[in-house]
Every structure is written in C-alpha cells, then in structure tokens.
Amino acid sequence: MKIKEGKSALEQNLYRSFLLLSATLVLISLGFTLFFDISRQRKDMDKLISGTASYIAAIPDVAAMLENGYPDSTVTRDLDSLSSNIPDINVIVISDKNGLRFYHTNRQETGETFVGGEEEAILKGSQPYITTGYGTHGTQRRAFHAVLSKDGRIIGFIMASVFNTYIFEQMQTLFPTYLLAAMVMLLVSVLLSHGLVSLLRDSLMGHHPTEL
C-alpha cells in the first residue's frame, strides 16, 4: 500500500472545519461574556449613582439647608469631599422643590435653576428612579432621589449622574483584554486543529480513508 505524503484534500477540509468551528465557538463565547460584562458594569454604575443620591438625601444638614432656604458651607465642603472621593460620579446636584440649585459639583452652576423636566416625577412623590438625560456636558445617566423634611414633606431632590462618555470610556477598558484573549484562544484553536488532523493521520498510519 502506498503512503500519502503531504496534506490530502480531506485533511485540509478537516483542518479548516475544526478551525472554523473552534473560532466560531471562541468568538461567540467571548461576545456573550463581553456583553454580560458591559451590562454588569452599567448596572454597577446605576447602583453607584442611585446609592449616592440616596445617601445625600438622608443627610440631616442637606434637609436643613433646603428648609433654611440658602446654601450651607458645611454641606458644600462635605459634598466636595464626597465628590472627590467617588471619581466615577461626575455631577451631584441639590435643588429645592422649585428647581433652584443649592449645590452643584460645578460651582458656577450653583444658584441656577434645574431644567429638563426629569425632576417633576420625584417632586410629585415618585420612588427614586434613573433616567438618561441631556445636560450641559452632554448625555448623562441620572439618578433622582427626594429630600424630605422632618414631617415627611418633599422639600427638594438630589440628582447624581455620570456622563455617558465616561461610561463608554470605562467600557473601552475591557476591549484590550478581550482582544488579547481572543488572539490567544484563536492561536490555541489553530494548534488544536492541527493536532487533531495529525492525530487522525497517525491513526490511519498515513493512509487515505478510501485506501482502507
């Protein structure tokens, strides 16, 4: 019987099939993993801004400031410190029920009126919520939480937000890791496909299946 040298057409087809199957599985699995990682990161960001808004709304000095009707330097100092310690949050706003800003991370916007209408629901007694709105610095992911007086009246609201551009930048940090993982896994797929074809050839002792 004659021993075949080099790769036969069958071996080449098997090699391509194994490689295509492996590459497809790798890309699908990485795609799903990346999607879930991005979704998880977005949910974590929502929890962060919502939790921050809730925390600020519960500070007694914040409610006292709104009831007194003028900004409080102690509240301003404390929130400046909070903002600097949570870099993932881009904007924190405290407004009274008329939308007048008593605090803003951008000091130049303190004293102006909150516009956009997204705050109307929270001022009417809605549960805390998150929206995607457009502000001075572009599209933002915003969390709203009401500030209550001691007798339970709504006297203002807190808005904590993160810029969508910042969210996108955070998501981009995932891409190099996934790209490297894809390259490594594709290389492994090539080696495994080559190994499987070689193993098949050895099991046939170099003969073409039609010869057997």
C-alpha atoms as a PDB file:
ATOM      1  CA  MET A   1       0.000   0.000   0.000  1.00  0.00           C
ATOM      2  CA  LYS A   2       1.193   3.453  -0.821  1.00  0.00           C
ATOM      3  CA  ILE A   3       1.778   6.080   1.923  1.00  0.00           C
ATOM      4  CA  LYS A   4       0.432   9.530   1.132  1.00  0.00           C
ATOM      5  CA  GLU A   5       2.802  12.431   1.611  1.00  0.00           C
ATOM      6  CA  GLY A   6       1.737  15.967   2.469  1.00  0.00           C
ATOM      7  CA  LYS A   7      -1.796  17.006   3.301  1.00  0.00           C
ATOM      8  CA  SER A   8      -4.603  15.426   1.320  1.00  0.00           C
ATOM      9  CA  ALA A   9      -7.712  17.364   0.352  1.00  0.00           C
ATOM     10  CA  LEU A  10      -9.602  15.535   3.097  1.00  0.00           C
ATOM     11  CA  GLU A  11      -7.063  16.563   5.734  1.00  0.00           C
ATOM     12  CA  GLN A  12      -7.236  20.153   4.560  1.00  0.00           C
ATOM     13  CA  ASN A  13     -11.028  20.131   4.723  1.00  0.00           C
ATOM     14  CA  LEU A  14     -10.946  18.604   8.206  1.00  0.00           C
ATOM     15  CA  TYR A  15      -8.395  21.164   9.330  1.00  0.00           C
ATOM     16  CA  ARG A  16     -10.498  24.048   8.012  1.00  0.00           C
ATOM     17  CA  SER A  17     -13.656  22.600   9.573  1.00  0.00           C
ATOM     18  CA  PHE A  18     -12.050  22.157  13.002  1.00  0.00           C
ATOM     19  CA  LEU A  19     -10.535  25.627  12.837  1.00  0.00           C
ATOM     20  CA  LEU A  20     -13.783  27.278  11.728  1.00  0.00           C
ATOM     21  CA  LEU A  21     -15.767  25.516  14.448  1.00  0.00           C
ATOM     22  CA  SER A  22     -13.237  26.431  17.144  1.00  0.00           C
ATOM     23  CA  ALA A  23     -13.003  30.061  16.031  1.00  0.00           C
ATOM     24  CA  THR A  24     -16.790  30.389  15.910  1.00  0.00           C
ATOM     25  CA  LEU A  25     -17.182  28.993  19.424  1.00  0.00           C
ATOM     26  CA  VAL A  26     -14.421  31.275  20.716  1.00  0.00           C
ATOM     27  CA  LEU A  27     -15.942  34.418  19.196  1.00  0.00           C
ATOM     28  CA  ILE A  28     -19.471  33.558  20.345  1.00  0.00           C
ATOM     29  CA  SER A  29     -18.362  32.819  23.914  1.00  0.00           C
ATOM     30  CA  LEU A  30     -16.242  35.978  24.127  1.00  0.00           C
ATOM     31  CA  GLY A  31     -19.068  38.033  22.615  1.00  0.00           C
ATOM     32  CA  PHE A  32     -21.542  36.819  25.228  1.00  0.00           C
ATOM     33  CA  THR A  33     -19.031  37.361  28.031  1.00  0.00           C
ATOM     34  CA  LEU A  34     -18.263  40.879  26.848  1.00  0.00           C
ATOM     35  CA  PHE A  35     -21.969  41.691  26.597  1.00  0.00           C
ATOM     36  CA  PHE A  36     -22.625  40.491  30.151  1.00  0.00           C
ATOM     37  CA  ASP A  37     -19.572  42.358  31.469  1.00  0.00           C
ATOM     38  CA  ILE A  38     -20.765  45.599  29.869  1.00  0.00           C
ATOM     39  CA  SER A  39     -24.273  45.058  31.248  1.00  0.00           C
ATOM     40  CA  ARG A  40     -22.874  44.343  34.717  1.00  0.00           C
ATOM     41  CA  GLN A  41     -20.698  47.442  34.581  1.00  0.00           C
ATOM     42  CA  ARG A  42     -23.685  49.573  33.609  1.00  0.00           C
ATOM     43  CA  LYS A  43     -25.785  48.112  36.441  1.00  0.00           C
ATOM     44  CA  ASP A  44     -22.962  48.762  38.907  1.00  0.00           C
ATOM     45  CA  MET A  45     -22.810  52.372  37.728  1.00  0.00           C
ATOM     46  CA  ASP A  46     -26.584  52.729  38.191  1.00  0.00           C
ATOM     47  CA  LYS A  47     -26.298  51.334  41.716  1.00  0.00           C
ATOM     48  CA  LEU A  48     -23.499  53.779  42.477  1.00  0.00           C
ATOM     49  CA  ILE A  49     -25.335  56.924  41.399  1.00  0.00           C
ATOM     50  CA  SER A  50     -28.601  55.759  42.968  1.00  0.00           C
ATOM     51  CA  GLY A  51     -26.897  54.872  46.242  1.00  0.00           C
ATOM     52  CA  THR A  52     -25.049  58.184  46.321  1.00  0.00           C
ATOM     53  CA  ALA A  53     -28.246  60.179  45.729  1.00  0.00           C
ATOM     54  CA  SER A  54     -29.995  58.207  48.483  1.00  0.00           C
ATOM     55  CA  TYR A  55     -27.113  58.769  50.909  1.00  0.00           C
ATOM     56  CA  ILE A  56     -27.008  62.534  50.317  1.00  0.00           C
ATOM     57  CA  ALA A  57     -30.795  62.833  50.633  1.00  0.00           C
ATOM     58  CA  ALA A  58     -30.571  61.242  54.097  1.00  0.00           C
ATOM     59  CA  ILE A  59     -28.011  63.756  55.439  1.00  0.00           C
ATOM     60  CA  PRO A  60     -29.799  65.957  58.017  1.00  0.00           C
ATOM     61  CA  ASP A  61     -27.780  69.045  57.087  1.00  0.00           C
ATOM     62  CA  VAL A  62     -28.990  68.774  53.483  1.00  0.00           C
ATOM     63  CA  ALA A  63     -32.647  68.883  54.532  1.00  0.00           C
ATOM     64  CA  ALA A  64     -31.899  71.714  56.978  1.00  0.00           C
ATOM     65  CA  MET A  65     -30.178  73.671  54.198  1.00  0.00           C
ATOM     66  CA  LEU A  66     -33.202  73.385  51.918  1.00  0.00           C
ATOM     67  CA  GLU A  67     -35.605  74.333  54.702  1.00  0.00           C
ATOM     68  CA  ASN A  68     -33.483  77.346  55.629  1.00  0.00           C
ATOM     69  CA  GLY A  69     -33.534  78.475  52.006  1.00  0.00           C
ATOM     70  CA  TYR A  70     -29.849  79.226  51.451  1.00  0.00           C
ATOM     71  CA  PRO A  71     -26.632  77.239  50.753  1.00  0.00           C
ATOM     72  CA  ASP A  72     -24.661  75.829  53.681  1.00  0.00           C
ATOM     73  CA  SER A  73     -20.864  75.976  53.576  1.00  0.00           C
ATOM     74  CA  THR A  74     -20.581  72.811  55.683  1.00  0.00           C
ATOM     75  CA  VAL A  75     -22.750  70.852  53.244  1.00  0.00           C
ATOM     76  CA  THR A  76     -20.772  72.260  50.329  1.00  0.00           C
ATOM     77  CA  ARG A  77     -17.460  71.236  51.892  1.00  0.00           C
ATOM     78  CA  ASP A  78     -18.693  67.744  52.768  1.00  0.00           C
ATOM     79  CA  LEU A  79     -20.121  67.134  49.287  1.00  0.00           C
ATOM     80  CA  ASP A  80     -16.966  68.447  47.631  1.00  0.00           C
ATOM     81  CA  SER A  81     -15.040  65.872  49.650  1.00  0.00           C
ATOM     82  CA  LEU A  82     -17.549  63.141  48.778  1.00  0.00           C
ATOM     83  CA  SER A  83     -17.374  64.001  45.090  1.00  0.00           C
ATOM     84  CA  SER A  84     -13.573  63.906  45.058  1.00  0.00           C
ATOM     85  CA  ASN A  85     -13.591  60.503  46.766  1.00  0.00           C
ATOM     86  CA  ILE A  86     -16.028  58.993  44.241  1.00  0.00           C
ATOM     87  CA  PRO A  87     -14.430  59.838  40.875  1.00  0.00           C
ATOM     88  CA  ASP A  88     -16.927  57.643  38.989  1.00  0.00           C
ATOM     89  CA  ILE A  89     -19.662  60.200  39.711  1.00  0.00           C
ATOM     90  CA  ASN A  90     -19.406  63.275  37.510  1.00  0.00           C
ATOM     91  CA  VAL A  91     -22.222  65.514  38.798  1.00  0.00           C
ATOM     92  CA  ILE A  92     -24.047  65.946  42.108  1.00  0.00           C
ATOM     93  CA  VAL A  93     -26.905  68.446  42.359  1.00  0.00           C
ATOM     94  CA  ILE A  94     -29.081  69.510  45.288  1.00  0.00           C
ATOM     95  CA  SER A  95     -32.153  71.528  44.340  1.00  0.00           C
ATOM     96  CA  ASP A  96     -35.205  72.738  46.190  1.00  0.00           C
ATOM     97  CA  LYS A  97     -38.741  71.926  45.029  1.00  0.00           C
ATOM     98  CA  ASN A  98     -38.627  74.918  42.654  1.00  0.00           C
ATOM     99  CA  GLY A  99     -35.517  73.570  40.926  1.00  0.00           C
ATOM    100  CA  LEU A 100     -33.136  76.167  42.419  1.00  0.00           C
ATOM    101  CA  ARG A 101     -29.681  74.604  42.752  1.00  0.00           C
ATOM    102  CA  PHE A 102     -28.256  74.853  46.271  1.00  0.00           C
ATOM    103  CA  TYR A 103     -25.279  72.714  45.354  1.00  0.00           C
ATOM    104  CA  HIS A 104     -23.575  71.648  42.146  1.00  0.00           C
ATOM    105  CA  THR A 105     -20.200  69.999  41.659  1.00  0.00           C
ATOM    106  CA  ASN A 106     -19.514  72.750  39.133  1.00  0.00           C
ATOM    107  CA  ARG A 107     -19.642  75.760  41.428  1.00  0.00           C
ATOM    108  CA  GLN A 108     -20.522  78.107  38.544  1.00  0.00           C
ATOM    109  CA  GLU A 109     -23.866  76.345  38.113  1.00  0.00           C
ATOM    110  CA  THR A 110     -24.892  76.739  41.757  1.00  0.00           C
ATOM    111  CA  GLY A 111     -27.797  79.183  42.050  1.00  0.00           C
ATOM    112  CA  GLU A 112     -29.182  78.378  38.620  1.00  0.00           C
ATOM    113  CA  THR A 113     -32.440  76.539  38.001  1.00  0.00           C
ATOM    114  CA  PHE A 114     -32.543  72.833  37.179  1.00  0.00           C
ATOM    115  CA  VAL A 115     -34.116  72.424  33.737  1.00  0.00           C
ATOM    116  CA  GLY A 116     -35.224  69.473  31.654  1.00  0.00           C
ATOM    117  CA  GLY A 117     -38.342  68.302  33.464  1.00  0.00           C
ATOM    118  CA  GLU A 118     -36.844  64.982  34.597  1.00  0.00           C
ATOM    119  CA  GLU A 119     -37.221  66.072  38.217  1.00  0.00           C
ATOM    120  CA  GLU A 120     -41.001  66.522  38.056  1.00  0.00           C
ATOM    121  CA  ALA A 121     -41.833  62.908  38.917  1.00  0.00           C
ATOM    122  CA  ILE A 122     -39.637  62.827  42.031  1.00  0.00           C
ATOM    123  CA  LEU A 123     -41.147  66.106  43.259  1.00  0.00           C
ATOM    124  CA  LYS A 124     -44.614  64.582  42.875  1.00  0.00           C
ATOM    125  CA  GLY A 125     -43.740  61.703  45.179  1.00  0.00           C
ATOM    126  CA  SER A 126     -42.315  59.114  42.801  1.00  0.00           C
ATOM    127  CA  GLN A 127     -39.968  56.419  44.044  1.00  0.00           C
ATOM    128  CA  PRO A 128     -36.282  57.067  43.246  1.00  0.00           C
ATOM    129  CA  TYR A 129     -35.510  56.457  39.578  1.00  0.00           C
ATOM    130  CA  ILE A 130     -32.792  56.669  36.946  1.00  0.00           C
ATOM    131  CA  THR A 131     -33.050  58.388  33.569  1.00  0.00           C
ATOM    132  CA  THR A 132     -30.847  59.143  30.592  1.00  0.00           C
ATOM    133  CA  GLY A 133     -30.947  62.882  30.006  1.00  0.00           C
ATOM    134  CA  TYR A 134     -29.054  65.637  28.240  1.00  0.00           C
ATOM    135  CA  GLY A 135     -27.197  68.237  30.276  1.00  0.00           C
ATOM    136  CA  THR A 136     -24.565  70.925  29.836  1.00  0.00           C
ATOM    137  CA  HIS A 137     -21.848  68.308  29.398  1.00  0.00           C
ATOM    138  CA  GLY A 138     -23.788  66.005  27.088  1.00  0.00           C
ATOM    139  CA  THR A 139     -25.840  62.880  27.684  1.00  0.00           C
ATOM    140  CA  GLN A 140     -25.868  61.656  31.272  1.00  0.00           C
ATOM    141  CA  ARG A 141     -27.147  58.711  33.282  1.00  0.00           C
ATOM    142  CA  ARG A 142     -29.023  60.404  36.154  1.00  0.00           C
ATOM    143  CA  ALA A 143     -30.366  59.142  39.487  1.00  0.00           C
ATOM    144  CA  PHE A 144     -33.060  61.158  41.296  1.00  0.00           C
ATOM    145  CA  HIS A 145     -33.966  60.955  44.979  1.00  0.00           C
ATOM    146  CA  ALA A 146     -36.309  63.169  47.004  1.00  0.00           C
ATOM    147  CA  VAL A 147     -35.238  65.114  50.092  1.00  0.00           C
ATOM    148  CA  LEU A 148     -37.836  65.041  52.868  1.00  0.00           C
ATOM    149  CA  SER A 149     -38.419  67.365  55.780  1.00  0.00           C
ATOM    150  CA  LYS A 150     -38.841  66.039  59.326  1.00  0.00           C
ATOM    151  CA  ASP A 151     -42.599  65.904  58.824  1.00  0.00           C
ATOM    152  CA  GLY A 152     -42.279  63.964  55.551  1.00  0.00           C
ATOM    153  CA  ARG A 153     -42.814  66.792  53.051  1.00  0.00           C
ATOM    154  CA  ILE A 154     -40.815  66.829  49.814  1.00  0.00           C
ATOM    155  CA  ILE A 155     -38.607  69.918  50.017  1.00  0.00           C
ATOM    156  CA  GLY A 156     -36.213  69.187  47.171  1.00  0.00           C
ATOM    157  CA  PHE A 157     -34.305  66.496  45.338  1.00  0.00           C
ATOM    158  CA  ILE A 158     -30.852  65.073  44.747  1.00  0.00           C
ATOM    159  CA  MET A 159     -29.507  64.276  41.305  1.00  0.00           C
ATOM    160  CA  ALA A 160     -26.324  62.237  40.910  1.00  0.00           C
ATOM    161  CA  SER A 161     -25.107  61.433  37.434  1.00  0.00           C
ATOM    162  CA  VAL A 162     -22.322  60.071  35.296  1.00  0.00           C
ATOM    163  CA  PHE A 163     -21.557  61.167  31.734  1.00  0.00           C
ATOM    164  CA  ASN A 164     -22.303  58.603  29.039  1.00  0.00           C
ATOM    165  CA  THR A 165     -18.914  59.380  27.540  1.00  0.00           C
ATOM    166  CA  TYR A 166     -17.327  58.324  30.848  1.00  0.00           C
ATOM    167  CA  ILE A 167     -19.352  55.088  30.834  1.00  0.00           C
ATOM    168  CA  PHE A 168     -18.169  54.417  27.283  1.00  0.00           C
ATOM    169  CA  GLU A 169     -14.564  55.082  28.295  1.00  0.00           C
ATOM    170  CA  GLN A 170     -14.905  52.592  31.147  1.00  0.00           C
ATOM    171  CA  MET A 171     -16.324  50.011  28.750  1.00  0.00           C
ATOM    172  CA  GLN A 172     -13.438  50.571  26.347  1.00  0.00           C
ATOM    173  CA  THR A 173     -11.004  49.417  29.031  1.00  0.00           C
ATOM    174  CA  LEU A 174     -12.498  45.930  28.631  1.00  0.00           C
ATOM    175  CA  PHE A 175     -11.767  45.679  24.909  1.00  0.00           C
ATOM    176  CA  PRO A 176      -7.936  45.204  25.006  1.00  0.00           C
ATOM    177  CA  THR A 177      -8.306  42.327  27.484  1.00  0.00           C
ATOM    178  CA  TYR A 178     -10.931  40.624  25.346  1.00  0.00           C
ATOM    179  CA  LEU A 179      -8.920  41.214  22.167  1.00  0.00           C
ATOM    180  CA  LEU A 180      -5.858  39.608  23.733  1.00  0.00           C
ATOM    181  CA  ALA A 181      -7.964  36.694  24.990  1.00  0.00           C
ATOM    182  CA  ALA A 182      -9.447  36.235  21.503  1.00  0.00           C
ATOM    183  CA  MET A 183      -5.993  36.166  19.880  1.00  0.00           C
ATOM    184  CA  VAL A 184      -4.670  33.636  22.390  1.00  0.00           C
ATOM    185  CA  MET A 185      -7.747  31.412  22.069  1.00  0.00           C
ATOM    186  CA  LEU A 186      -7.642  31.556  18.266  1.00  0.00           C
ATOM    187  CA  LEU A 187      -3.969  30.560  18.357  1.00  0.00           C
ATOM    188  CA  VAL A 188      -4.873  27.640  20.608  1.00  0.00           C
ATOM    189  CA  SER A 189      -7.653  26.731  18.164  1.00  0.00           C
ATOM    190  CA  VAL A 190      -5.150  26.635  15.290  1.00  0.00           C
ATOM    191  CA  LEU A 191      -2.806  24.400  17.273  1.00  0.00           C
ATOM    192  CA  LEU A 192      -5.618  22.099  18.398  1.00  0.00           C
ATOM    193  CA  SER A 193      -6.995  21.815  14.867  1.00  0.00           C
ATOM    194  CA  HIS A 194      -3.538  20.953  13.555  1.00  0.00           C
ATOM    195  CA  GLY A 195      -3.098  18.431  16.370  1.00  0.00           C
ATOM    196  CA  LEU A 196      -6.435  16.756  15.679  1.00  0.00           C
ATOM    197  CA  VAL A 197      -5.656  16.359  11.977  1.00  0.00           C
ATOM    198  CA  SER A 198      -2.192  14.992  12.788  1.00  0.00           C
ATOM    199  CA  LEU A 199      -3.704  12.571  15.291  1.00  0.00           C
ATOM    200  CA  LEU A 200      -6.201  11.423  12.672  1.00  0.00           C
ATOM    201  CA  ARG A 201      -3.429  10.953  10.124  1.00  0.00           C
ATOM    202  CA  ASP A 202      -1.377   8.926  12.612  1.00  0.00           C
ATOM    203  CA  SER A 203      -4.378   6.764  13.486  1.00  0.00           C
ATOM    204  CA  LEU A 204      -4.745   5.916   9.778  1.00  0.00           C
ATOM    205  CA  MET A 205      -0.990   5.254   9.538  1.00  0.00           C
ATOM    206  CA  GLY A 206      -0.651   7.737   6.721  1.00  0.00           C
ATOM    207  CA  HIS A 207      -3.290   6.138   4.507  1.00  0.00           C
ATOM    208  CA  HIS A 208      -6.203   7.897   2.856  1.00  0.00           C
ATOM    209  CA  PRO A 209      -9.585   6.604   4.159  1.00  0.00           C
ATOM    210  CA  THR A 210     -10.543   5.445   0.622  1.00  0.00           C
ATOM    211  CA  GLU A 211      -7.456   3.206   0.556  1.00  0.00           C
ATOM    212  CA  LEU A 212      -8.666   1.399   3.635  1.00  0.00           C
END
